[in-house]
Amino acid sequence: MIGWCLCMQVGPKGLEFARYSLDYHTIRNYLHVRRAWGEQRAEQHVPGYAKKIVEAYDRDGRIQSMLNSSSQSRA
């Protein structure tokens, strides 16, 4: 019962959840395209709005480090 009450109080709700969900899926798809297609081809096909979302969340370099670590593990 306590866990259910906490779930109802914590976390994004409504429009905040919708924005979070859209951003999460945009970043997930960006990572997939970069890994599957490579940097040059992805740059041609990823829309500008998606690049802006990724840049906003990549201020600390975590997304870029995820891309770098996945490309190094394949080599």
PDB file of N, CA and C in Angstrom:
ATOM      1  N   MET A   1       0.817  -1.191   0.000  1.00  0.00           N
ATOM      2  CA  MET A   1       0.000   0.000   0.000  1.00  0.00           C
ATOM      3  C   MET A   1       0.870   1.268   0.000  1.00  0.00           C
ATOM      4  N   ILE A   2       1.937   1.236   0.769  1.00  0.00           N
ATOM      5  CA  ILE A   2       2.823   2.402   0.838  1.00  0.00           C
ATOM      6  C   ILE A   2       3.497   2.629  -0.515  1.00  0.00           C
ATOM      7  N   GLY A   3       3.918   1.528  -1.164  1.00  0.00           N
ATOM      8  CA  GLY A   3       4.558   1.654  -2.471  1.00  0.00           C
ATOM      9  C   GLY A   3       3.629   2.279  -3.497  1.00  0.00           C
ATOM     10  N   TRP A   4       2.363   1.898  -3.467  1.00  0.00           N
ATOM     11  CA  TRP A   4       1.398   2.459  -4.406  1.00  0.00           C
ATOM     12  C   TRP A   4       1.227   3.957  -4.153  1.00  0.00           C
ATOM     13  N   CYS A   5       1.156   4.346  -2.892  1.00  0.00           N
ATOM     14  CA  CYS A   5       1.006   5.762  -2.549  1.00  0.00           C
ATOM     15  C   CYS A   5       2.211   6.572  -3.018  1.00  0.00           C
ATOM     16  N   LEU A   6       3.397   6.006  -2.852  1.00  0.00           N
ATOM     17  CA  LEU A   6       4.603   6.703  -3.303  1.00  0.00           C
ATOM     18  C   LEU A   6       4.622   6.851  -4.815  1.00  0.00           C
ATOM     19  N   CYS A   7       4.204   5.823  -5.532  1.00  0.00           N
ATOM     20  CA  CYS A   7       4.172   5.891  -6.993  1.00  0.00           C
ATOM     21  C   CYS A   7       3.218   6.976  -7.472  1.00  0.00           C
ATOM     22  N   MET A   8       2.173   7.193  -6.747  1.00  0.00           N
ATOM     23  CA  MET A   8       1.200   8.218  -7.137  1.00  0.00           C
ATOM     24  C   MET A   8       1.734   9.624  -6.846  1.00  0.00           C
ATOM     25  N   GLN A   9       2.699   9.759  -5.951  1.00  0.00           N
ATOM     26  CA  GLN A   9       3.217  11.059  -5.559  1.00  0.00           C
ATOM     27  C   GLN A   9       4.504  11.451  -6.288  1.00  0.00           C
ATOM     28  N   VAL A  10       5.264  10.482  -6.743  1.00  0.00           N
ATOM     29  CA  VAL A  10       6.578  10.728  -7.315  1.00  0.00           C
ATOM     30  C   VAL A  10       6.541  10.486  -8.820  1.00  0.00           C
ATOM     31  N   GLY A  11       7.301  11.282  -9.535  1.00  0.00           N
ATOM     32  CA  GLY A  11       7.430  11.067 -10.967  1.00  0.00           C
ATOM     33  C   GLY A  11       6.600  12.055 -11.772  1.00  0.00           C
ATOM     34  N   PRO A  12       6.918  12.148 -13.068  1.00  0.00           N
ATOM     35  CA  PRO A  12       6.217  13.099 -13.928  1.00  0.00           C
ATOM     36  C   PRO A  12       4.773  12.670 -14.179  1.00  0.00           C
ATOM     37  N   LYS A  13       3.919  13.648 -14.337  1.00  0.00           N
ATOM     38  CA  LYS A  13       2.505  13.393 -14.587  1.00  0.00           C
ATOM     39  C   LYS A  13       2.004  14.322 -15.686  1.00  0.00           C
ATOM     40  N   GLY A  14       0.969  13.926 -16.371  1.00  0.00           N
ATOM     41  CA  GLY A  14       0.311  14.776 -17.359  1.00  0.00           C
ATOM     42  C   GLY A  14       1.239  15.204 -18.475  1.00  0.00           C
ATOM     43  N   LEU A  15       1.258  16.511 -18.748  1.00  0.00           N
ATOM     44  CA  LEU A  15       2.082  17.041 -19.829  1.00  0.00           C
ATOM     45  C   LEU A  15       3.572  16.833 -19.575  1.00  0.00           C
ATOM     46  N   GLU A  16       3.962  16.893 -18.313  1.00  0.00           N
ATOM     47  CA  GLU A  16       5.371  16.658 -17.967  1.00  0.00           C
ATOM     48  C   GLU A  16       5.781  15.247 -18.378  1.00  0.00           C
ATOM     49  N   PHE A  17       4.914  14.263 -18.114  1.00  0.00           N
ATOM     50  CA  PHE A  17       5.209  12.892 -18.514  1.00  0.00           C
ATOM     51  C   PHE A  17       5.234  12.765 -20.026  1.00  0.00           C
ATOM     52  N   ALA A  18       4.329  13.443 -20.706  1.00  0.00           N
ATOM     53  CA  ALA A  18       4.289  13.384 -22.167  1.00  0.00           C
ATOM     54  C   ALA A  18       5.584  13.933 -22.773  1.00  0.00           C
ATOM     55  N   ARG A  19       6.049  15.053 -22.250  1.00  0.00           N
ATOM     56  CA  ARG A  19       7.312  15.627 -22.758  1.00  0.00           C
ATOM     57  C   ARG A  19       8.490  14.698 -22.490  1.00  0.00           C
ATOM     58  N   TYR A  20       8.521  14.159 -21.277  1.00  0.00           N
ATOM     59  CA  TYR A  20       9.581  13.219 -20.927  1.00  0.00           C
ATOM     60  C   TYR A  20       9.562  12.022 -21.861  1.00  0.00           C
ATOM     61  N   SER A  21       8.385  11.467 -22.105  1.00  0.00           N
ATOM     62  CA  SER A  21       8.261  10.282 -22.946  1.00  0.00           C
ATOM     63  C   SER A  21       8.715  10.563 -24.375  1.00  0.00           C
ATOM     64  N   LEU A  22       8.303  11.695 -24.919  1.00  0.00           N
ATOM     65  CA  LEU A  22       8.721  12.053 -26.284  1.00  0.00           C
ATOM     66  C   LEU A  22      10.233  12.257 -26.357  1.00  0.00           C
ATOM     67  N   ASP A  23      10.789  12.946 -25.369  1.00  0.00           N
ATOM     68  CA  ASP A  23      12.237  13.166 -25.350  1.00  0.00           C
ATOM     69  C   ASP A  23      12.991  11.852 -25.229  1.00  0.00           C
ATOM     70  N   TYR A  24      12.523  10.978 -24.349  1.00  0.00           N
ATOM     71  CA  TYR A  24      13.183   9.687 -24.147  1.00  0.00           C
ATOM     72  C   TYR A  24      13.201   8.883 -25.445  1.00  0.00           C
ATOM     73  N   HIS A  25      12.072   8.803 -26.119  1.00  0.00           N
ATOM     74  CA  HIS A  25      12.000   8.015 -27.342  1.00  0.00           C
ATOM     75  C   HIS A  25      12.806   8.651 -28.475  1.00  0.00           C
ATOM     76  N   THR A  26      12.856   9.977 -28.511  1.00  0.00           N
ATOM     77  CA  THR A  26      13.674  10.661 -29.516  1.00  0.00           C
ATOM     78  C   THR A  26      15.147  10.341 -29.302  1.00  0.00           C
ATOM     79  N   ILE A  27      15.617  10.400 -28.059  1.00  0.00           N
ATOM     80  CA  ILE A  27      17.019  10.100 -27.756  1.00  0.00           C
ATOM     81  C   ILE A  27      17.318   8.631 -28.037  1.00  0.00           C
ATOM     82  N   ARG A  28      16.414   7.750 -27.659  1.00  0.00           N
ATOM     83  CA  ARG A  28      16.600   6.318 -27.913  1.00  0.00           C
ATOM     84  C   ARG A  28      16.731   6.055 -29.415  1.00  0.00           C
ATOM     85  N   ASN A  29      15.866   6.668 -30.208  1.00  0.00           N
ATOM     86  CA  ASN A  29      15.925   6.473 -31.654  1.00  0.00           C
ATOM     87  C   ASN A  29      17.187   7.085 -32.253  1.00  0.00           C
ATOM     88  N   TYR A  30      17.606   8.237 -31.728  1.00  0.00           N
ATOM     89  CA  TYR A  30      18.842   8.867 -32.188  1.00  0.00           C
ATOM     90  C   TYR A  30      20.039   7.944 -31.949  1.00  0.00           C
ATOM     91  N   LEU A  31      20.102   7.369 -30.752  1.00  0.00           N
ATOM     92  CA  LEU A  31      21.201   6.454 -30.437  1.00  0.00           C
ATOM     93  C   LEU A  31      21.183   5.243 -31.362  1.00  0.00           C
ATOM     94  N   HIS A  32      20.015   4.709 -31.631  1.00  0.00           N
ATOM     95  CA  HIS A  32      19.915   3.543 -32.516  1.00  0.00           C
ATOM     96  C   HIS A  32      20.390   3.888 -33.933  1.00  0.00           C
ATOM     97  N   VAL A  33      19.924   5.011 -34.459  1.00  0.00           N
ATOM     98  CA  VAL A  33      20.296   5.400 -35.827  1.00  0.00           C
ATOM     99  C   VAL A  33      21.796   5.642 -35.919  1.00  0.00           C
ATOM    100  N   ARG A  34      22.365   6.337 -34.934  1.00  0.00           N
ATOM    101  CA  ARG A  34      23.816   6.584 -34.961  1.00  0.00           C
ATOM    102  C   ARG A  34      24.601   5.287 -34.898  1.00  0.00           C
ATOM    103  N   ARG A  35      24.156   4.340 -34.068  1.00  0.00           N
ATOM    104  CA  ARG A  35      24.877   3.074 -33.942  1.00  0.00           C
ATOM    105  C   ARG A  35      24.698   2.205 -35.174  1.00  0.00           C
ATOM    106  N   ALA A  36      23.511   2.164 -35.722  1.00  0.00           N
ATOM    107  CA  ALA A  36      23.217   1.271 -36.840  1.00  0.00           C
ATOM    108  C   ALA A  36      23.691   1.830 -38.181  1.00  0.00           C
ATOM    109  N   TRP A  37      23.569   3.130 -38.378  1.00  0.00           N
ATOM    110  CA  TRP A  37      23.873   3.729 -39.670  1.00  0.00           C
ATOM    111  C   TRP A  37      25.217   4.431 -39.726  1.00  0.00           C
ATOM    112  N   GLY A  38      25.778   4.768 -38.587  1.00  0.00           N
ATOM    113  CA  GLY A  38      27.029   5.514 -38.578  1.00  0.00           C
ATOM    114  C   GLY A  38      26.771   7.007 -38.517  1.00  0.00           C
ATOM    115  N   GLU A  39      27.795   7.726 -38.141  1.00  0.00           N
ATOM    116  CA  GLU A  39      27.654   9.160 -37.882  1.00  0.00           C
ATOM    117  C   GLU A  39      27.278   9.953 -39.135  1.00  0.00           C
ATOM    118  N   GLN A  40      27.947   9.721 -40.249  1.00  0.00           N
ATOM    119  CA  GLN A  40      27.699  10.524 -41.446  1.00  0.00           C
ATOM    120  C   GLN A  40      26.287  10.321 -41.987  1.00  0.00           C
ATOM    121  N   ARG A  41      25.863   9.078 -42.105  1.00  0.00           N
ATOM    122  CA  ARG A  41      24.528   8.803 -42.641  1.00  0.00           C
ATOM    123  C   ARG A  41      23.443   9.288 -41.677  1.00  0.00           C
ATOM    124  N   ALA A  42      23.677   9.129 -40.383  1.00  0.00           N
ATOM    125  CA  ALA A  42      22.699   9.589 -39.394  1.00  0.00           C
ATOM    126  C   ALA A  42      22.534  11.101 -39.460  1.00  0.00           C
ATOM    127  N   GLU A  43      23.629  11.834 -39.635  1.00  0.00           N
ATOM    128  CA  GLU A  43      23.558  13.293 -39.712  1.00  0.00           C
ATOM    129  C   GLU A  43      22.656  13.744 -40.857  1.00  0.00           C
ATOM    130  N   GLN A  44      22.617  12.981 -41.932  1.00  0.00           N
ATOM    131  CA  GLN A  44      21.778  13.325 -43.081  1.00  0.00           C
ATOM    132  C   GLN A  44      20.305  13.039 -42.823  1.00  0.00           C
ATOM    133  N   HIS A  45      20.005  12.072 -41.964  1.00  0.00           N
ATOM    134  CA  HIS A  45      18.629  11.602 -41.815  1.00  0.00           C
ATOM    135  C   HIS A  45      17.950  11.992 -40.506  1.00  0.00           C
ATOM    136  N   VAL A  46      18.706  12.352 -39.497  1.00  0.00           N
ATOM    137  CA  VAL A  46      18.099  12.730 -38.214  1.00  0.00           C
ATOM    138  C   VAL A  46      17.574  14.163 -38.350  1.00  0.00           C
ATOM    139  N   PRO A  47      16.292  14.383 -38.038  1.00  0.00           N
ATOM    140  CA  PRO A  47      15.730  15.737 -38.171  1.00  0.00           C
ATOM    141  C   PRO A  47      16.319  16.713 -37.157  1.00  0.00           C
ATOM    142  N   GLY A  48      16.249  17.979 -37.496  1.00  0.00           N
ATOM    143  CA  GLY A  48      16.815  19.026 -36.655  1.00  0.00           C
ATOM    144  C   GLY A  48      16.236  19.072 -35.253  1.00  0.00           C
ATOM    145  N   TYR A  49      14.921  18.851 -35.129  1.00  0.00           N
ATOM    146  CA  TYR A  49      14.316  18.899 -33.800  1.00  0.00           C
ATOM    147  C   TYR A  49      14.886  17.815 -32.899  1.00  0.00           C
ATOM    148  N   ALA A  50      15.202  16.652 -33.483  1.00  0.00           N
ATOM    149  CA  ALA A  50      15.767  15.560 -32.689  1.00  0.00           C
ATOM    150  C   ALA A  50      17.181  15.910 -32.236  1.00  0.00           C
ATOM    151  N   LYS A  51      17.948  16.540 -33.108  1.00  0.00           N
ATOM    152  CA  LYS A  51      19.301  16.953 -32.738  1.00  0.00           C
ATOM    153  C   LYS A  51      19.271  17.974 -31.600  1.00  0.00           C
ATOM    154  N   LYS A  52      18.291  18.880 -31.619  1.00  0.00           N
ATOM    155  CA  LYS A  52      18.174  19.879 -30.550  1.00  0.00           C
ATOM    156  C   LYS A  52      17.836  19.227 -29.219  1.00  0.00           C
ATOM    157  N   ILE A  53      16.949  18.231 -29.246  1.00  0.00           N
ATOM    158  CA  ILE A  53      16.598  17.526 -28.007  1.00  0.00           C
ATOM    159  C   ILE A  53      17.814  16.807 -27.453  1.00  0.00           C
ATOM    160  N   VAL A  54      18.562  16.132 -28.325  1.00  0.00           N
ATOM    161  CA  VAL A  54      19.753  15.408 -27.882  1.00  0.00           C
ATOM    162  C   VAL A  54      20.777  16.384 -27.317  1.00  0.00           C
ATOM    163  N   GLU A  55      20.987  17.510 -27.979  1.00  0.00           N
ATOM    164  CA  GLU A  55      21.937  18.508 -27.480  1.00  0.00           C
ATOM    165  C   GLU A  55      21.530  19.035 -26.101  1.00  0.00           C
ATOM    166  N   ALA A  56      20.234  19.226 -25.896  1.00  0.00           N
ATOM    167  CA  ALA A  56      19.766  19.734 -24.605  1.00  0.00           C
ATOM    168  C   ALA A  56      20.056  18.748 -23.476  1.00  0.00           C
ATOM    169  N   TYR A  57      19.953  17.463 -23.756  1.00  0.00           N
ATOM    170  CA  TYR A  57      20.192  16.456 -22.729  1.00  0.00           C
ATOM    171  C   TYR A  57      21.664  16.038 -22.648  1.00  0.00           C
ATOM    172  N   ASP A  58      22.466  16.439 -23.613  1.00  0.00           N
ATOM    173  CA  ASP A  58      23.861  16.000 -23.662  1.00  0.00           C
ATOM    174  C   ASP A  58      24.825  17.079 -23.179  1.00  0.00           C
ATOM    175  N   ARG A  59      24.374  17.951 -22.345  1.00  0.00           N
ATOM    176  CA  ARG A  59      25.248  19.019 -21.842  1.00  0.00           C
ATOM    177  C   ARG A  59      26.433  18.478 -21.066  1.00  0.00           C
ATOM    178  N   ASP A  60      26.237  17.357 -20.392  1.00  0.00           N
ATOM    179  CA  ASP A  60      27.332  16.776 -19.618  1.00  0.00           C
ATOM    180  C   ASP A  60      28.108  15.716 -20.406  1.00  0.00           C
ATOM    181  N   GLY A  61      27.724  15.458 -21.656  1.00  0.00           N
ATOM    182  CA  GLY A  61      28.457  14.535 -22.512  1.00  0.00           C
ATOM    183  C   GLY A  61      28.102  13.066 -22.350  1.00  0.00           C
ATOM    184  N   ARG A  62      27.044  12.747 -21.624  1.00  0.00           N
ATOM    185  CA  ARG A  62      26.709  11.337 -21.378  1.00  0.00           C
ATOM    186  C   ARG A  62      26.252  10.617 -22.649  1.00  0.00           C
ATOM    187  N   ILE A  63      25.476  11.286 -23.479  1.00  0.00           N
ATOM    188  CA  ILE A  63      25.000  10.636 -24.703  1.00  0.00           C
ATOM    189  C   ILE A  63      26.170  10.364 -25.631  1.00  0.00           C
ATOM    190  N   GLN A  64      27.046  11.334 -25.786  1.00  0.00           N
ATOM    191  CA  GLN A  64      28.220  11.143 -26.633  1.00  0.00           C
ATOM    192  C   GLN A  64      29.113  10.033 -26.096  1.00  0.00           C
ATOM    193  N   SER A  65      29.252   9.942 -24.779  1.00  0.00           N
ATOM    194  CA  SER A  65      30.072   8.876 -24.210  1.00  0.00           C
ATOM    195  C   SER A  65      29.431   7.509 -24.448  1.00  0.00           C
ATOM    196  N   MET A  66      28.101   7.454 -24.465  1.00  0.00           N
ATOM    197  CA  MET A  66      27.421   6.197 -24.786  1.00  0.00           C
ATOM    198  C   MET A  66      27.719   5.777 -26.225  1.00  0.00           C
ATOM    199  N   LEU A  67      27.727   6.747 -27.121  1.00  0.00           N
ATOM    200  CA  LEU A  67      28.045   6.443 -28.522  1.00  0.00           C
ATOM    201  C   LEU A  67      29.506   6.008 -28.675  1.00  0.00           C
ATOM    202  N   ASN A  68      30.389   6.701 -27.969  1.00  0.00           N
ATOM    203  CA  ASN A  68      31.814   6.352 -28.055  1.00  0.00           C
ATOM    204  C   ASN A  68      32.094   4.976 -27.487  1.00  0.00           C
ATOM    205  N   SER A  69      31.474   4.635 -26.371  1.00  0.00           N
ATOM    206  CA  SER A  69      31.724   3.337 -25.756  1.00  0.00           C
ATOM    207  C   SER A  69      31.157   2.205 -26.602  1.00  0.00           C
ATOM    208  N   SER A  70      30.031   2.427 -27.274  1.00  0.00           N
ATOM    209  CA  SER A  70      29.472   1.371 -28.111  1.00  0.00           C
ATOM    210  C   SER A  70      30.298   1.178 -29.377  1.00  0.00           C
ATOM    211  N   SER A  71      30.882   2.254 -29.917  1.00  0.00           N
ATOM    212  CA  SER A  71      31.696   2.107 -31.116  1.00  0.00           C
ATOM    213  C   SER A  71      33.048   1.465 -30.787  1.00  0.00           C
ATOM    214  N   GLN A  72      33.569   1.704 -29.589  1.00  0.00           N
ATOM    215  CA  GLN A  72      34.833   1.088 -29.189  1.00  0.00           C
ATOM    216  C   GLN A  72      34.673  -0.390 -28.912  1.00  0.00           C
ATOM    217  N   SER A  73      33.525  -0.787 -28.382  1.00  0.00           N
ATOM    218  CA  SER A  73      33.317  -2.201 -28.065  1.00  0.00           C
ATOM    219  C   SER A  73      33.128  -3.039 -29.326  1.00  0.00           C
ATOM    220  N   ARG A  74      32.733  -2.407 -30.436  1.00  0.00           N
ATOM    221  CA  ARG A  74      32.578  -3.130 -31.699  1.00  0.00           C
ATOM    222  C   ARG A  74      33.905  -3.310 -32.419  1.00  0.00           C
ATOM    223  N   ALA A  75      34.855  -2.437 -32.129  1.00  0.00           N
ATOM    224  CA  ALA A  75      36.138  -2.488 -32.844  1.00  0.00           C
ATOM    225  C   ALA A  75      37.015  -3.630 -32.380  1.00  0.00           C
TER     226      ALA A  75
END
